[in-house]
C-alpha atoms as a PDB file:
ATOM      1  CA  MET A   1     -28.560   1.895 -44.195  1.00  0.00           C
ATOM      2  CA  LYS A   2     -26.422   0.868 -41.180  1.00  0.00           C
ATOM      3  CA  LYS A   3     -23.065   2.458 -40.640  1.00  0.00           C
ATOM      4  CA  ALA A   4     -20.149  -0.008 -40.741  1.00  0.00           C
ATOM      5  CA  LYS A   5     -18.179  -0.422 -37.551  1.00  0.00           C
ATOM      6  CA  PRO A   6     -14.537   0.618 -38.063  1.00  0.00           C
ATOM      7  CA  ILE A   7     -11.929  -2.102 -37.777  1.00  0.00           C
ATOM      8  CA  LEU A   8      -9.220  -1.059 -35.349  1.00  0.00           C
ATOM      9  CA  THR A   9      -5.804  -2.550 -34.855  1.00  0.00           C
ATOM     10  CA  PRO A  10      -4.896  -3.535 -31.286  1.00  0.00           C
ATOM     11  CA  ALA A  11      -2.701  -0.429 -30.967  1.00  0.00           C
ATOM     12  CA  GLN A  12      -5.532   1.836 -32.139  1.00  0.00           C
ATOM     13  CA  LYS A  13      -7.999   0.134 -29.811  1.00  0.00           C
ATOM     14  CA  ASN A  14      -5.581   0.625 -26.891  1.00  0.00           C
ATOM     15  CA  LEU A  15      -5.267   4.321 -27.775  1.00  0.00           C
ATOM     16  CA  VAL A  16      -9.044   4.777 -27.880  1.00  0.00           C
ATOM     17  CA  GLU A  17      -9.441   3.044 -24.487  1.00  0.00           C
ATOM     18  CA  HIS A  18      -6.669   5.232 -23.061  1.00  0.00           C
ATOM     19  CA  ILE A  19      -8.376   8.417 -24.274  1.00  0.00           C
ATOM     20  CA  GLU A  20     -11.767   7.287 -22.957  1.00  0.00           C
ATOM     21  CA  ALA A  21     -10.235   6.443 -19.585  1.00  0.00           C
ATOM     22  CA  GLY A  22      -8.749   9.946 -19.386  1.00  0.00           C
ATOM     23  CA  ASN A  23     -12.168  11.484 -19.979  1.00  0.00           C
ATOM     24  CA  ARG A  24     -13.691   9.747 -16.933  1.00  0.00           C
ATOM     25  CA  THR A  25     -13.766  11.654 -13.672  1.00  0.00           C
ATOM     26  CA  PHE A  26     -11.347  10.469 -11.015  1.00  0.00           C
ATOM     27  CA  GLU A  27     -12.840   9.310  -7.734  1.00  0.00           C
ATOM     28  CA  PRO A  28     -10.233   9.132  -4.956  1.00  0.00           C
ATOM     29  CA  PRO A  29     -10.156   5.936  -2.902  1.00  0.00           C
ATOM     30  CA  CYS A  30     -12.305   5.894   0.207  1.00  0.00           C
ATOM     31  CA  VAL A  31     -10.382   6.717   3.375  1.00  0.00           C
ATOM     32  CA  PRO A  32     -11.590   4.401   6.148  1.00  0.00           C
ATOM     33  CA  THR A  33     -12.891   5.983   9.333  1.00  0.00           C
ATOM     34  CA  TYR A  34     -11.890   4.885  12.818  1.00  0.00           C
ATOM     35  CA  GLU A  35     -15.140   2.903  13.118  1.00  0.00           C
ATOM     36  CA  ASP A  36     -14.464   0.961   9.890  1.00  0.00           C
ATOM     37  CA  ILE A  37     -10.940   0.092  10.974  1.00  0.00           C
ATOM     38  CA  ASP A  38     -12.013  -0.937  14.481  1.00  0.00           C
ATOM     39  CA  HIS A  39     -14.516  -3.475  13.126  1.00  0.00           C
ATOM     40  CA  ARG A  40     -11.804  -5.120  11.012  1.00  0.00           C
ATOM     41  CA  GLY A  41      -9.457  -5.536  13.952  1.00  0.00           C
ATOM     42  CA  ASP A  42      -6.746  -3.345  12.427  1.00  0.00           C
ATOM     43  CA  SER A  43      -5.157  -0.399  14.177  1.00  0.00           C
ATOM     44  CA  PHE A  44      -4.657   3.153  12.986  1.00  0.00           C
ATOM     45  CA  HIS A  45      -2.213   5.782  14.230  1.00  0.00           C
ATOM     46  CA  ASP A  46      -2.006   9.411  13.209  1.00  0.00           C
ATOM     47  CA  TYR A  47       1.275  11.250  13.806  1.00  0.00           C
ATOM     48  CA  PRO A  48       0.796  14.926  12.855  1.00  0.00           C
ATOM     49  CA  THR A  49       4.276  15.806  14.171  1.00  0.00           C
ATOM     50  CA  TYR A  50       6.043  13.124  12.067  1.00  0.00           C
ATOM     51  CA  ILE A  51       9.767  13.657  11.371  1.00  0.00           C
ATOM     52  CA  LYS A  52      11.276  10.388  10.096  1.00  0.00           C
ATOM     53  CA  HIS A  53      10.793   6.605  10.142  1.00  0.00           C
ATOM     54  CA  TRP A  54      12.943   3.453   9.960  1.00  0.00           C
ATOM     55  CA  GLU A  55      11.978  -0.105   9.040  1.00  0.00           C
ATOM     56  CA  SER A  56      13.866  -3.171  10.285  1.00  0.00           C
ATOM     57  CA  ALA A  57      13.254  -6.714   9.049  1.00  0.00           C
ATOM     58  CA  LYS A  58      12.732  -9.287  11.800  1.00  0.00           C
ATOM     59  CA  PRO A  59      12.419 -13.092  11.441  1.00  0.00           C
ATOM     60  CA  GLY A  60       8.688 -13.002  12.196  1.00  0.00           C
ATOM     61  CA  GLY A  61       7.717  -9.601  10.746  1.00  0.00           C
ATOM     62  CA  TRP A  62       8.865  -5.986  10.827  1.00  0.00           C
ATOM     63  CA  GLU A  63       9.840  -3.375  13.368  1.00  0.00           C
ATOM     64  CA  ILE A  64       8.886   0.188  12.457  1.00  0.00           C
ATOM     65  CA  ARG A  65      10.322   3.125  14.394  1.00  0.00           C
ATOM     66  CA  ILE A  66       8.629   6.490  13.899  1.00  0.00           C
ATOM     67  CA  LEU A  67      10.262   9.660  15.171  1.00  0.00           C
ATOM     68  CA  THR A  68       7.931  12.555  15.994  1.00  0.00           C
ATOM     69  CA  GLU A  69       8.346  15.796  17.873  1.00  0.00           C
ATOM     70  CA  ASN A  70       6.817  13.985  20.876  1.00  0.00           C
ATOM     71  CA  GLY A  71       9.376  11.149  20.860  1.00  0.00           C
ATOM     72  CA  LEU A  72      10.094   7.758  19.296  1.00  0.00           C
ATOM     73  CA  HIS A  73       7.252   5.284  18.666  1.00  0.00           C
ATOM     74  CA  ILE A  74       8.113   1.609  18.037  1.00  0.00           C
ATOM     75  CA  HIS A  75       5.674  -0.766  16.330  1.00  0.00           C
ATOM     76  CA  ASN A  76       6.403  -4.511  16.172  1.00  0.00           C
ATOM     77  CA  LEU A  77       4.472  -6.066  13.282  1.00  0.00           C
ATOM     78  CA  ARG A  78       4.317  -9.854  13.480  1.00  0.00           C
ATOM     79  CA  TRP A  79       2.853 -12.470  11.176  1.00  0.00           C
ATOM     80  CA  ASN A  80       0.680 -15.153  12.784  1.00  0.00           C
ATOM     81  CA  LYS A  81       1.485 -18.138  10.580  1.00  0.00           C
ATOM     82  CA  TYR A  82       4.219 -16.958   8.212  1.00  0.00           C
ATOM     83  CA  LYS A  83       7.980 -17.171   8.684  1.00  0.00           C
ATOM     84  CA  ARG A  84      10.630 -15.827   6.330  1.00  0.00           C
ATOM     85  CA  PRO A  85      11.891 -18.544   3.975  1.00  0.00           C
ATOM     86  CA  ASN A  86      15.551 -17.523   4.400  1.00  0.00           C
ATOM     87  CA  ALA A  87      17.585 -16.122   7.262  1.00  0.00           C
ATOM     88  CA  LEU A  88      18.157 -12.377   7.398  1.00  0.00           C
ATOM     89  CA  LYS A  89      21.641 -10.984   6.683  1.00  0.00           C
ATOM     90  CA  SER A  90      22.163 -10.045  10.334  1.00  0.00           C
ATOM     91  CA  GLU A  91      21.317 -13.639  11.381  1.00  0.00           C
ATOM     92  CA  ASN A  92      23.850 -15.071   8.913  1.00  0.00           C
ATOM     93  CA  LYS A  93      26.733 -13.156  10.568  1.00  0.00           C
ATOM     94  CA  LYS A  94      26.339 -14.995  13.884  1.00  0.00           C
END
């Protein structure tokens, strides 16, 4: 004789899935190596003496300033084809 499958409510089914998900082992995301990043065209910077950072919105992207024990590093991140739909607050004051 076959055993009947229990009928679960959506809340019970969600609880069972949650418990089963907690029983699985966690695999951390893969950290790309320098070679992987270089083939994609992205850049990677490691600042072991990091102190603080600031982000500033610009019309065509972002400016990120990173303060380390060795000095200030400025990165200008620009979008190729995208522009902000609205003016920034600092541009409105002009």
